[in-house]
Amino acid sequence: MSILRVMLAIIFPPLAVIDKGCGSVLIVFLLTLAGWVPGVIAALIIVKR
């Protein structure tokens, strides 16, 4: 987990998971629309894997 990915996950979560697949991007995008915090948490979990 690089520092750049963590910063991207905090600033704009869908951009941090762009290389993890379309499903991950869609889930994180929808969670970000629902609220910024759920999107950040999901992005950090996906980037951590």
C-alpha atoms as a PDB file:
ATOM      1  CA  MET A   1       0.000   0.000   0.000  1.00  0.00           C
ATOM      2  CA  SER A   2       1.806   3.083  -1.203  1.00  0.00           C
ATOM      3  CA  ILE A   3       1.439   6.561   0.211  1.00  0.00           C
ATOM      4  CA  LEU A   4       0.102   7.805  -3.137  1.00  0.00           C
ATOM      5  CA  ARG A   5      -2.699   5.220  -3.110  1.00  0.00           C
ATOM      6  CA  VAL A   6      -3.653   6.158   0.449  1.00  0.00           C
ATOM      7  CA  MET A   7      -3.748   9.859  -0.449  1.00  0.00           C
ATOM      8  CA  LEU A   8      -5.872   9.103  -3.523  1.00  0.00           C
ATOM      9  CA  ALA A   9      -8.199   6.956  -1.422  1.00  0.00           C
ATOM     10  CA  ILE A  10      -8.717   9.868   0.944  1.00  0.00           C
ATOM     11  CA  ILE A  11      -9.076  12.602  -1.686  1.00  0.00           C
ATOM     12  CA  PHE A  12     -10.970  10.769  -4.456  1.00  0.00           C
ATOM     13  CA  PRO A  13     -11.658   7.104  -3.558  1.00  0.00           C
ATOM     14  CA  PRO A  14     -12.715   5.752  -6.999  1.00  0.00           C
ATOM     15  CA  LEU A  15      -9.434   6.874  -8.543  1.00  0.00           C
ATOM     16  CA  ALA A  16      -7.447   4.876  -5.985  1.00  0.00           C
ATOM     17  CA  VAL A  17      -9.052   1.578  -7.020  1.00  0.00           C
ATOM     18  CA  ILE A  18      -9.099   2.153 -10.787  1.00  0.00           C
ATOM     19  CA  ASP A  19      -6.761  -0.795 -11.473  1.00  0.00           C
ATOM     20  CA  LYS A  20      -8.664  -3.253  -9.257  1.00  0.00           C
ATOM     21  CA  GLY A  21     -11.468  -3.819 -11.752  1.00  0.00           C
ATOM     22  CA  CYS A  22     -14.730  -2.309 -12.872  1.00  0.00           C
ATOM     23  CA  GLY A  23     -16.757  -3.791 -10.010  1.00  0.00           C
ATOM     24  CA  SER A  24     -14.521  -2.303  -7.344  1.00  0.00           C
ATOM     25  CA  VAL A  25     -14.598   1.116  -8.981  1.00  0.00           C
ATOM     26  CA  LEU A  26     -18.388   0.996  -9.255  1.00  0.00           C
ATOM     27  CA  ILE A  27     -18.863  -0.052  -5.624  1.00  0.00           C
ATOM     28  CA  VAL A  28     -16.493   2.602  -4.327  1.00  0.00           C
ATOM     29  CA  PHE A  29     -18.086   5.234  -6.564  1.00  0.00           C
ATOM     30  CA  LEU A  30     -21.577   4.418  -5.308  1.00  0.00           C
ATOM     31  CA  LEU A  31     -20.417   4.412  -1.690  1.00  0.00           C
ATOM     32  CA  THR A  32     -18.712   7.766  -2.267  1.00  0.00           C
ATOM     33  CA  LEU A  33     -21.958   9.163  -3.645  1.00  0.00           C
ATOM     34  CA  ALA A  34     -23.795   7.877  -0.579  1.00  0.00           C
ATOM     35  CA  GLY A  35     -21.250   9.509   1.692  1.00  0.00           C
ATOM     36  CA  TRP A  36     -17.596  10.367   1.557  1.00  0.00           C
ATOM     37  CA  VAL A  37     -16.578   8.307   4.608  1.00  0.00           C
ATOM     38  CA  PRO A  38     -17.980   4.950   3.376  1.00  0.00           C
ATOM     39  CA  GLY A  39     -16.232   5.479   0.044  1.00  0.00           C
ATOM     40  CA  VAL A  40     -12.910   6.174   1.732  1.00  0.00           C
ATOM     41  CA  ILE A  41     -13.227   3.144   3.990  1.00  0.00           C
ATOM     42  CA  ALA A  42     -14.086   0.843   1.078  1.00  0.00           C
ATOM     43  CA  ALA A  43     -11.238   2.231  -1.022  1.00  0.00           C
ATOM     44  CA  LEU A  44      -8.723   1.730   1.784  1.00  0.00           C
ATOM     45  CA  ILE A  45      -9.897  -1.853   2.298  1.00  0.00           C
ATOM     46  CA  ILE A  46      -9.662  -2.640  -1.424  1.00  0.00           C
ATOM     47  CA  VAL A  47      -6.247  -0.974  -1.800  1.00  0.00           C
ATOM     48  CA  LYS A  48      -4.974  -2.866   1.260  1.00  0.00           C
ATOM     49  CA  ARG A  49      -5.683  -6.223  -0.402  1.00  0.00           C
END
